[in-house]
Amino acid sequence: MSKLGRRKFLLYGSTGLAASLFLKGCAGGGDTPQTSTDSPSTSATNVVSGDTIKVGILHSLSGTMAISETTVVDAEMLAIDEINAAGGVLGKQIVPIKEDGASDWPTFAEKATKLIDKDQVVTVFGCWTSASRKAVLPVFESKKHMLWYPVQYEGQECSNNIFYSGAAPNQQIEPAVDWLLENKGKEFFLVGSDYVFPRTANTIIKEQLKAKGGKKVGEDYLPLGNTEVTPIITKIKQALPNGGVIFNSLNGDSNVAFFKQMQGAGLTADKYPVMSVSIAEEEVRQIGKEYLKGHYAAWNYFMTVESPENEKFVKAFKAKFGEDRVTNDPMESAYIMVNLWAKAVEAAGTTDLEAVRKAAIGQEFDAPQGKVKMFPNHHISQTVRIGQVRDDGLFDIVFATDGPVDPVPWNQYVPETKGYGCDWTDPSKGGKYKI
């Protein structure tokens, strides 16, 4: 498996970039120059000819993030196949055009431009890391196009050009911290990959710990794709000699080395419980369930959710991709977003971007996790769940909210964004306004 180019990663994943992106608070989700003269309506309607509608799929099919992103593509393809089998959208068949972001952020931007300008897709489903999303954001902003983003993230963004079907921090990170404080301890060691999501997530966690009486005893980062985890494990043992909580926001291949060496160093789940926000069933399967047994993850969906919708989803996925395959939260989010987009297009009666944008607000879907709804801030309501890895590599659900939690993109623990909201249905409010 090829690794992320170090020079390009450092350009897009450095601490300085993360900090600057975190502190920006422009109404459109970024202060991107509006340079394109492309008409969004034209670019969206040119593609709708004959019996087909073209959509873009943009994920890492190679590189360090392929361990996670290839499965998201499978879920998107399942949704597209099911919609096509039911008659398509507006009576037309959806034709997906796949591009490989290759775990490289400039490549994501290049491929997004190609999908919009050359392929003239009506929308793009794509990205995993926040670094890749931040890289393509200027493309979608300048061209006034549409990205559907399927993965939990750090919030602190609300773009009119993005629909977010993964969890905002108040739907994953914050409930996980609260649960840990109540059940596992007050001392936290924070470990993550060195790019915008983990650094911003940890900024939120540190503010939350201050407010809730917890304590950060250590914090360390690895470049994405780096497997030199021994120094971090040494620091964890020094900071938590008698055990304690590890909050893990590592992504990609780094998790393989981290969990194997944690076990090798004797840092077991009973004394050093790890709460992960980017480890799900597929990663457990690839890393090895013997290394993750007893550790925790916070998501909105687990394969073990008991519902008719989930039973149908898992059965259909296994029938298409193999009985040995598993489903997970980002896959379910990807499945959700394709269905919500299709419902919005049907409601709008057109693929015109502005019409679809408006029609998407308020759309509901009976998802495998439970009912979800698209809010005016372009995020969806989600049920919060915490799971513990069991012997078979799936998760026992040890905590769940009574129902869906409304999304809050601007964090209410961080001083710079406390008291702010987002509402794209009201021109006087937009991407960031004082509540």
Protein backbone atom coordinates (compact mmCIF):
# COMPACT_ATOMS: atom_id res chain seq x y z
CA MET A 1 0.00 0.00 0.00
CA SER A 2 1.46 3.33 -1.03
CA LYS A 3 1.98 5.96 1.64
CA LEU A 4 0.95 9.59 1.64
CA GLY A 5 3.57 11.88 0.17
CA ARG A 6 5.23 13.47 3.18
CA ARG A 7 5.83 16.86 1.55
CA LYS A 8 2.24 17.22 0.39
CA PHE A 9 0.90 15.98 3.71
CA LEU A 10 2.95 18.50 5.64
CA LEU A 11 1.65 21.23 3.38
CA TYR A 12 -1.98 20.39 4.16
CA GLY A 13 -1.79 18.71 7.55
CA SER A 14 0.51 20.89 9.59
CA THR A 15 -0.39 22.38 12.92
CA GLY A 16 -0.40 25.85 11.44
CA LEU A 17 -2.97 24.94 8.81
CA ALA A 18 -5.16 23.20 11.36
CA ALA A 19 -5.08 26.19 13.65
CA SER A 20 -5.80 28.70 10.92
CA LEU A 21 -8.66 26.66 9.51
CA PHE A 22 -10.10 26.18 12.99
CA LEU A 23 -10.13 29.88 13.81
CA LYS A 24 -11.74 30.99 10.56
CA GLY A 25 -15.39 31.85 10.93
CA CYS A 26 -16.61 33.10 7.61
CA ALA A 27 -20.25 32.72 6.69
CA GLY A 28 -19.64 30.41 3.75
CA GLY A 29 -17.44 27.97 5.64
CA GLY A 30 -14.24 29.46 4.21
CA ASP A 31 -12.91 32.72 2.81
CA THR A 32 -12.41 31.27 -0.63
CA PRO A 33 -12.14 33.67 -3.57
CA GLN A 34 -15.05 33.33 -5.97
CA THR A 35 -13.09 32.95 -9.16
CA SER A 36 -15.20 30.67 -11.32
CA THR A 37 -17.76 31.94 -13.80
CA ASP A 38 -19.35 28.50 -14.14
CA SER A 39 -23.12 28.51 -13.77
CA PRO A 40 -24.19 25.90 -11.24
CA SER A 41 -27.51 25.34 -13.00
CA THR A 42 -25.80 24.83 -16.36
CA SER A 43 -23.18 22.44 -15.00
CA ALA A 44 -25.90 20.44 -13.28
CA THR A 45 -28.37 20.23 -16.14
CA ASN A 46 -26.03 19.58 -19.07
CA VAL A 47 -25.41 16.10 -17.70
CA VAL A 48 -29.08 15.15 -17.53
CA SER A 49 -29.64 13.83 -21.01
CA GLY A 50 -31.32 10.69 -22.21
CA ASP A 51 -31.94 8.20 -19.45
CA THR A 52 -28.99 8.88 -17.14
CA ILE A 53 -27.81 11.27 -14.43
CA LYS A 54 -24.08 11.41 -13.67
CA VAL A 55 -22.78 11.70 -10.10
CA GLY A 56 -19.21 11.79 -8.83
CA ILE A 57 -17.69 9.46 -6.24
CA LEU A 58 -14.42 10.81 -4.83
CA HIS A 59 -12.58 8.76 -2.20
CA SER A 60 -9.14 7.32 -1.50
CA LEU A 61 -8.98 4.02 -3.34
CA SER A 62 -5.23 3.85 -2.66
CA GLY A 63 -2.82 5.12 -0.02
CA THR A 64 -3.07 5.15 3.75
CA MET A 65 -6.80 6.03 3.87
CA ALA A 66 -7.89 3.25 1.51
CA ILE A 67 -8.34 0.98 4.55
CA SER A 68 -11.41 3.04 5.39
CA GLU A 69 -12.58 4.79 2.25
CA THR A 70 -12.97 1.86 -0.13
CA THR A 71 -15.76 0.48 2.04
CA VAL A 72 -17.59 3.82 1.88
CA VAL A 73 -17.56 3.57 -1.91
CA ASP A 74 -19.16 0.12 -1.61
CA ALA A 75 -22.00 1.57 0.48
CA GLU A 76 -22.54 4.39 -2.01
CA MET A 77 -22.68 1.88 -4.84
CA LEU A 78 -25.22 -0.20 -2.93
CA ALA A 79 -27.47 2.84 -2.49
CA ILE A 80 -27.14 3.79 -6.16
CA ASP A 81 -27.92 0.22 -7.29
CA GLU A 82 -31.00 0.09 -5.06
CA ILE A 83 -32.26 3.46 -6.29
CA ASN A 84 -31.68 2.45 -9.92
CA ALA A 85 -33.48 -0.87 -9.38
CA ALA A 86 -36.46 1.06 -8.00
CA GLY A 87 -36.67 3.24 -11.11
CA GLY A 88 -33.84 5.69 -10.62
CA VAL A 89 -34.18 9.42 -9.95
CA LEU A 90 -36.69 11.43 -12.00
CA GLY A 91 -37.11 8.26 -14.03
CA LYS A 92 -33.42 8.26 -14.97
CA GLN A 93 -30.63 5.87 -14.00
CA ILE A 94 -27.77 7.16 -11.85
CA VAL A 95 -24.33 6.70 -13.42
CA PRO A 96 -21.46 7.00 -10.91
CA ILE A 97 -18.06 8.27 -12.03
CA LYS A 98 -15.37 7.17 -9.57
CA GLU A 99 -12.15 9.05 -8.92
CA ASP A 100 -9.27 8.15 -6.60
CA GLY A 101 -8.15 10.90 -4.20
CA ALA A 102 -5.17 8.62 -3.40
CA SER A 103 -4.90 9.85 0.24
CA ASP A 104 -3.39 13.05 -1.17
CA TRP A 105 -5.16 16.35 -0.63
CA PRO A 106 -4.10 18.22 -3.80
CA THR A 107 -5.22 15.16 -5.78
CA PHE A 108 -8.66 15.42 -4.18
CA ALA A 109 -8.95 19.03 -5.36
CA GLU A 110 -7.82 18.11 -8.88
CA LYS A 111 -10.28 15.22 -9.11
CA ALA A 112 -13.14 17.35 -7.77
CA THR A 113 -12.45 19.94 -10.48
CA LYS A 114 -12.42 17.20 -13.13
CA LEU A 115 -15.72 15.73 -11.97
CA ILE A 116 -17.42 19.14 -12.08
CA ASP A 117 -15.86 20.69 -15.18
CA LYS A 118 -15.14 17.72 -17.46
CA ASP A 119 -17.61 15.07 -16.36
CA GLN A 120 -20.30 17.63 -15.42
CA VAL A 121 -21.71 15.56 -12.59
CA VAL A 122 -24.78 16.88 -10.76
CA THR A 123 -23.25 16.25 -7.34
CA VAL A 124 -20.23 14.62 -5.70
CA PHE A 125 -20.23 12.09 -2.88
CA GLY A 126 -16.81 12.10 -1.32
CA CYS A 127 -13.88 12.58 1.06
CA TRP A 128 -13.11 11.08 4.45
CA THR A 129 -10.46 13.16 6.21
CA SER A 130 -11.13 16.78 7.02
CA ALA A 131 -7.88 17.59 5.23
CA SER A 132 -9.35 16.24 1.99
CA ARG A 133 -12.63 18.07 2.61
CA LYS A 134 -10.78 21.33 3.30
CA ALA A 135 -8.81 20.80 0.08
CA VAL A 136 -11.91 20.43 -2.09
CA LEU A 137 -13.98 23.08 -0.30
CA PRO A 138 -12.56 25.97 -2.39
CA VAL A 139 -13.52 24.05 -5.54
CA PHE A 140 -17.14 23.60 -4.49
CA GLU A 141 -17.34 27.14 -3.08
CA SER A 142 -15.96 28.84 -6.19
CA LYS A 143 -18.09 26.77 -8.57
CA LYS A 144 -21.17 26.85 -6.31
CA HIS A 145 -21.43 23.11 -6.70
CA MET A 146 -22.47 20.39 -4.23
CA LEU A 147 -20.53 17.90 -2.08
CA TRP A 148 -22.11 15.29 0.19
CA TYR A 149 -19.65 14.38 2.95
CA PRO A 150 -20.23 11.09 4.87
CA VAL A 151 -17.87 11.05 7.85
CA GLN A 152 -17.97 12.35 11.42
CA TYR A 153 -15.81 15.43 11.74
CA GLU A 154 -14.64 18.25 14.00
CA GLY A 155 -17.39 20.72 13.13
CA GLN A 156 -16.40 24.41 13.06
CA GLU A 157 -17.63 24.61 9.48
CA CYS A 158 -20.97 25.17 7.79
CA SER A 159 -20.88 25.51 4.03
CA ASN A 160 -23.81 26.12 1.73
CA ASN A 161 -22.06 23.84 -0.76
CA ILE A 162 -21.66 20.82 1.53
CA PHE A 163 -24.20 18.47 3.09
CA TYR A 164 -22.73 16.63 6.08
CA SER A 165 -24.22 13.21 6.86
CA GLY A 166 -21.60 12.27 9.47
CA ALA A 167 -21.71 13.36 13.10
CA ALA A 168 -20.95 16.84 14.36
CA PRO A 169 -18.94 16.88 17.63
CA ASN A 170 -22.07 17.13 19.78
CA GLN A 171 -23.26 13.89 18.18
CA GLN A 172 -20.07 11.88 18.79
CA ILE A 173 -17.03 13.45 20.49
CA GLU A 174 -18.78 15.32 23.28
CA PRO A 175 -21.07 12.43 24.35
CA ALA A 176 -18.05 10.10 24.30
CA VAL A 177 -16.13 12.39 26.65
CA ASP A 178 -19.13 12.66 28.98
CA TRP A 179 -19.50 8.86 29.07
CA LEU A 180 -15.80 8.35 29.78
CA LEU A 181 -15.84 10.89 32.61
CA GLU A 182 -18.78 9.08 34.19
CA ASN A 183 -17.56 5.54 33.64
CA LYS A 184 -13.80 5.33 33.05
CA GLY A 185 -11.91 8.16 34.73
CA LYS A 186 -10.98 11.81 34.77
CA GLU A 187 -7.45 11.68 33.31
CA PHE A 188 -7.20 11.70 29.51
CA PHE A 189 -4.28 11.19 27.13
CA LEU A 190 -5.12 12.51 23.63
CA VAL A 191 -3.56 10.87 20.59
CA GLY A 192 -4.34 11.66 16.97
CA SER A 193 -3.13 12.03 13.41
CA ASP A 194 -1.52 15.37 12.64
CA TYR A 195 -4.15 17.19 10.61
CA VAL A 196 -7.18 19.38 11.15
CA PHE A 197 -9.74 16.88 12.48
CA PRO A 198 -7.76 15.42 15.41
CA ARG A 199 -6.26 18.77 16.42
CA THR A 200 -9.61 20.57 16.35
CA ALA A 201 -11.36 17.63 18.05
CA ASN A 202 -8.77 17.73 20.81
CA THR A 203 -9.23 21.48 21.21
CA ILE A 204 -12.90 20.78 21.84
CA ILE A 205 -12.12 17.92 24.24
CA LYS A 206 -9.71 20.07 26.27
CA GLU A 207 -12.35 22.79 26.69
CA GLN A 208 -14.94 20.17 27.61
CA LEU A 209 -12.61 18.60 30.20
CA LYS A 210 -12.07 22.01 31.76
CA ALA A 211 -15.82 22.52 32.01
CA LYS A 212 -16.54 19.02 33.35
CA GLY A 213 -13.71 18.54 35.85
CA GLY A 214 -11.53 16.26 33.75
CA LYS A 215 -7.81 16.59 33.11
CA LYS A 216 -5.62 16.27 30.02
CA VAL A 217 -2.39 14.56 31.08
CA GLY A 218 -0.84 14.27 27.63
CA GLU A 219 -1.33 14.96 23.92
CA ASP A 220 0.60 13.70 20.91
CA TYR A 221 0.24 13.36 17.15
CA LEU A 222 1.53 11.25 14.27
CA PRO A 223 1.76 12.28 10.61
CA LEU A 224 -0.99 10.48 8.71
CA GLY A 225 0.34 7.10 7.60
CA ASN A 226 3.21 7.11 10.13
CA THR A 227 3.56 3.89 12.15
CA GLU A 228 6.29 4.99 14.61
CA VAL A 229 4.01 4.78 17.63
CA THR A 230 6.55 3.61 20.25
CA PRO A 231 7.34 7.17 21.47
CA ILE A 232 3.64 7.87 22.01
CA ILE A 233 3.12 4.66 23.95
CA THR A 234 6.12 5.52 26.13
CA LYS A 235 4.57 8.92 26.88
CA ILE A 236 1.23 7.30 27.72
CA LYS A 237 2.90 4.97 30.24
CA GLN A 238 4.73 7.90 31.83
CA ALA A 239 1.66 10.14 32.02
CA LEU A 240 -0.70 7.38 33.18
CA PRO A 241 1.44 4.95 35.22
CA ASN A 242 -1.62 3.51 36.94
CA GLY A 243 -3.89 3.50 33.91
CA GLY A 244 -6.33 6.00 32.45
CA VAL A 245 -8.36 7.02 29.43
CA ILE A 246 -6.88 7.29 25.94
CA PHE A 247 -8.92 9.30 23.44
CA ASN A 248 -7.87 8.18 19.97
CA SER A 249 -8.36 10.18 16.76
CA LEU A 250 -5.72 8.42 14.70
CA ASN A 251 -6.79 7.66 11.15
CA GLY A 252 -5.71 5.15 8.53
CA ASP A 253 -2.82 2.70 8.84
CA SER A 254 -1.44 4.31 12.00
CA ASN A 255 -4.13 2.53 13.99
CA VAL A 256 -2.75 -0.87 13.02
CA ALA A 257 0.61 -0.18 14.63
CA PHE A 258 -0.94 1.69 17.57
CA PHE A 259 -3.22 -1.08 18.79
CA LYS A 260 -0.72 -3.87 18.17
CA GLN A 261 2.00 -2.05 20.09
CA MET A 262 -0.40 -1.02 22.85
CA GLN A 263 -1.10 -4.67 23.49
CA GLY A 264 2.56 -5.57 23.18
CA ALA A 265 3.44 -2.96 25.80
CA GLY A 266 0.87 -4.37 28.22
CA LEU A 267 -1.51 -1.41 27.96
CA THR A 268 -4.69 -3.49 27.98
CA ALA A 269 -8.28 -2.34 27.75
CA ASP A 270 -9.07 -2.99 31.41
CA LYS A 271 -6.56 -0.37 32.63
CA TYR A 272 -6.07 1.75 29.49
CA PRO A 273 -9.44 1.89 27.73
CA VAL A 274 -9.14 3.52 24.31
CA MET A 275 -12.09 5.49 22.94
CA SER A 276 -11.79 5.80 19.16
CA VAL A 277 -13.74 8.02 16.82
CA SER A 278 -12.36 6.65 13.54
CA ILE A 279 -12.27 2.91 14.32
CA ALA A 280 -15.31 0.94 13.24
CA GLU A 281 -16.14 -2.65 12.27
CA GLU A 282 -14.11 -2.63 9.04
CA GLU A 283 -11.00 -1.29 10.78
CA VAL A 284 -11.40 -3.88 13.56
CA ARG A 285 -11.59 -6.59 10.90
CA GLN A 286 -8.43 -5.37 9.17
CA ILE A 287 -6.38 -4.56 12.28
CA GLY A 288 -7.35 -7.74 14.10
CA LYS A 289 -10.11 -8.14 16.68
CA GLU A 290 -7.64 -9.65 19.15
CA TYR A 291 -5.92 -6.26 19.42
CA LEU A 292 -9.10 -4.24 19.92
CA LYS A 293 -11.22 -6.45 22.16
CA GLY A 294 -12.51 -4.48 25.14
CA HIS A 295 -11.79 -1.05 23.67
CA TYR A 296 -14.49 1.45 22.74
CA ALA A 297 -15.74 3.51 19.83
CA ALA A 298 -18.29 6.30 19.58
CA TRP A 299 -20.54 6.36 16.52
CA ASN A 300 -24.14 6.82 15.49
CA TYR A 301 -24.44 3.36 13.94
CA PHE A 302 -23.06 -0.08 14.65
CA MET A 303 -23.69 -3.25 12.67
CA THR A 304 -25.34 -4.67 15.80
CA VAL A 305 -28.15 -2.07 15.86
CA GLU A 306 -31.44 -3.94 16.06
CA SER A 307 -33.94 -2.57 13.57
CA PRO A 308 -35.74 -3.84 10.45
CA GLU A 309 -33.95 -1.17 8.40
CA ASN A 310 -30.54 -2.32 9.61
CA GLU A 311 -31.37 -5.98 9.04
CA LYS A 312 -32.28 -5.12 5.45
CA PHE A 313 -29.14 -2.96 5.00
CA VAL A 314 -26.74 -5.61 6.31
CA LYS A 315 -28.40 -8.37 4.30
CA ALA A 316 -28.26 -6.34 1.08
CA PHE A 317 -24.63 -5.33 1.65
CA LYS A 318 -23.49 -8.89 2.31
CA ALA A 319 -25.42 -10.17 -0.71
CA LYS A 320 -23.63 -7.69 -2.94
CA PHE A 321 -20.11 -7.72 -1.48
CA GLY A 322 -19.72 -11.01 0.39
CA GLU A 323 -20.92 -12.73 3.55
CA ASP A 324 -17.60 -12.04 5.29
CA ARG A 325 -18.01 -8.27 4.95
CA VAL A 326 -19.12 -5.95 7.75
CA THR A 327 -20.96 -2.63 7.81
CA ASN A 328 -19.99 0.43 9.84
CA ASP A 329 -20.95 4.02 10.62
CA PRO A 330 -19.23 5.86 7.73
CA MET A 331 -20.69 3.31 5.34
CA GLU A 332 -24.15 3.88 6.77
CA SER A 333 -23.63 7.67 6.54
CA ALA A 334 -22.64 7.25 2.90
CA TYR A 335 -25.73 5.13 2.28
CA ILE A 336 -27.86 7.78 4.00
CA MET A 337 -26.47 10.69 1.98
CA VAL A 338 -27.09 9.07 -1.41
CA ASN A 339 -30.69 8.38 -0.41
CA LEU A 340 -31.22 11.89 0.98
CA TRP A 341 -29.80 13.41 -2.21
CA ALA A 342 -32.13 11.25 -4.33
CA LYS A 343 -35.14 12.27 -2.21
CA ALA A 344 -34.15 15.95 -2.58
CA VAL A 345 -33.88 15.65 -6.36
CA GLU A 346 -37.28 13.97 -6.54
CA ALA A 347 -38.78 16.67 -4.33
CA ALA A 348 -37.21 19.42 -6.46
CA GLY A 349 -38.25 17.76 -9.71
CA THR A 350 -34.88 18.73 -11.19
CA THR A 351 -31.13 18.34 -10.67
CA ASP A 352 -30.69 22.12 -10.64
CA LEU A 353 -28.29 22.72 -7.75
CA GLU A 354 -30.15 25.59 -6.11
CA ALA A 355 -33.45 23.73 -6.27
CA VAL A 356 -31.91 20.57 -4.80
CA ARG A 357 -30.19 22.59 -2.07
CA LYS A 358 -33.52 23.99 -0.94
CA ALA A 359 -35.38 20.69 -1.28
CA ALA A 360 -32.80 18.81 0.80
CA ILE A 361 -33.70 20.74 3.98
CA GLY A 362 -36.23 18.76 6.00
CA GLN A 363 -35.79 15.51 4.08
CA GLU A 364 -36.12 12.45 6.31
CA PHE A 365 -34.92 8.89 5.85
CA ASP A 366 -35.55 5.70 7.80
CA ALA A 367 -31.87 4.81 8.08
CA PRO A 368 -30.35 1.65 9.58
CA GLN A 369 -29.47 3.69 12.72
CA GLY A 370 -33.02 5.07 12.98
CA LYS A 371 -34.81 8.05 11.45
CA VAL A 372 -32.60 10.96 10.39
CA LYS A 373 -33.50 14.43 9.17
CA MET A 374 -31.60 17.12 7.25
CA PHE A 375 -31.45 20.40 9.18
CA PRO A 376 -31.12 23.98 7.85
CA ASN A 377 -27.42 23.86 8.82
CA HIS A 378 -26.88 21.07 6.25
CA HIS A 379 -26.20 18.47 8.97
CA ILE A 380 -28.49 15.61 9.98
CA SER A 381 -29.96 14.50 13.30
CA GLN A 382 -28.22 11.38 14.62
CA THR A 383 -28.65 8.85 17.41
CA VAL A 384 -25.49 8.71 19.56
CA ARG A 385 -24.07 5.29 20.45
CA ILE A 386 -20.98 3.95 22.23
CA GLY A 387 -19.84 0.41 21.55
CA GLN A 388 -17.28 -1.98 23.04
CA VAL A 389 -15.38 -4.40 20.81
CA ARG A 390 -16.36 -7.98 21.57
CA ASP A 391 -14.86 -11.39 20.72
CA ASP A 392 -16.24 -11.53 17.17
CA GLY A 393 -14.98 -8.04 16.25
CA LEU A 394 -18.43 -6.45 16.35
CA PHE A 395 -19.59 -3.99 19.00
CA ASP A 396 -21.76 -4.40 22.05
CA ILE A 397 -23.73 -1.16 22.34
CA VAL A 398 -23.16 0.05 25.91
CA PHE A 399 -24.81 3.45 25.57
CA ALA A 400 -27.36 5.05 23.25
CA THR A 401 -29.40 8.24 23.36
CA ASP A 402 -33.17 7.89 23.46
CA GLY A 403 -33.47 9.30 19.98
CA PRO A 404 -31.79 11.52 17.38
CA VAL A 405 -29.67 14.44 18.60
CA ASP A 406 -29.92 17.71 16.66
CA PRO A 407 -26.66 18.76 14.98
CA VAL A 408 -24.58 21.70 16.27
CA PRO A 409 -21.75 22.50 13.83
CA TRP A 410 -20.28 25.49 15.72
CA ASN A 411 -18.91 24.15 18.99
CA GLN A 412 -20.39 25.46 22.20
CA TYR A 413 -17.39 24.65 24.43
CA VAL A 414 -14.81 26.56 22.40
CA PRO A 415 -14.85 30.31 23.22
CA GLU A 416 -14.38 31.45 19.61
CA THR A 417 -17.55 29.67 18.41
CA LYS A 418 -19.72 29.51 21.52
CA GLY A 419 -23.11 31.07 20.86
CA TYR A 420 -22.96 30.73 17.06
CA GLY A 421 -25.30 28.84 14.74
CA CYS A 422 -25.87 28.15 11.04
CA ASP A 423 -29.07 28.40 9.01
CA TRP A 424 -28.99 28.33 5.22
CA THR A 425 -32.76 28.86 4.93
CA ASP A 426 -32.43 32.41 6.29
CA PRO A 427 -30.25 34.83 4.25
CA SER A 428 -29.78 37.03 7.31
CA LYS A 429 -28.16 34.14 9.17
CA GLY A 430 -26.29 31.90 6.71
CA GLY A 431 -23.17 29.95 7.64
CA LYS A 432 -22.37 31.66 10.95
CA TYR A 433 -24.54 33.94 13.01
CA LYS A 434 -24.85 34.89 16.67
CA ILE A 435 -27.73 32.98 18.21
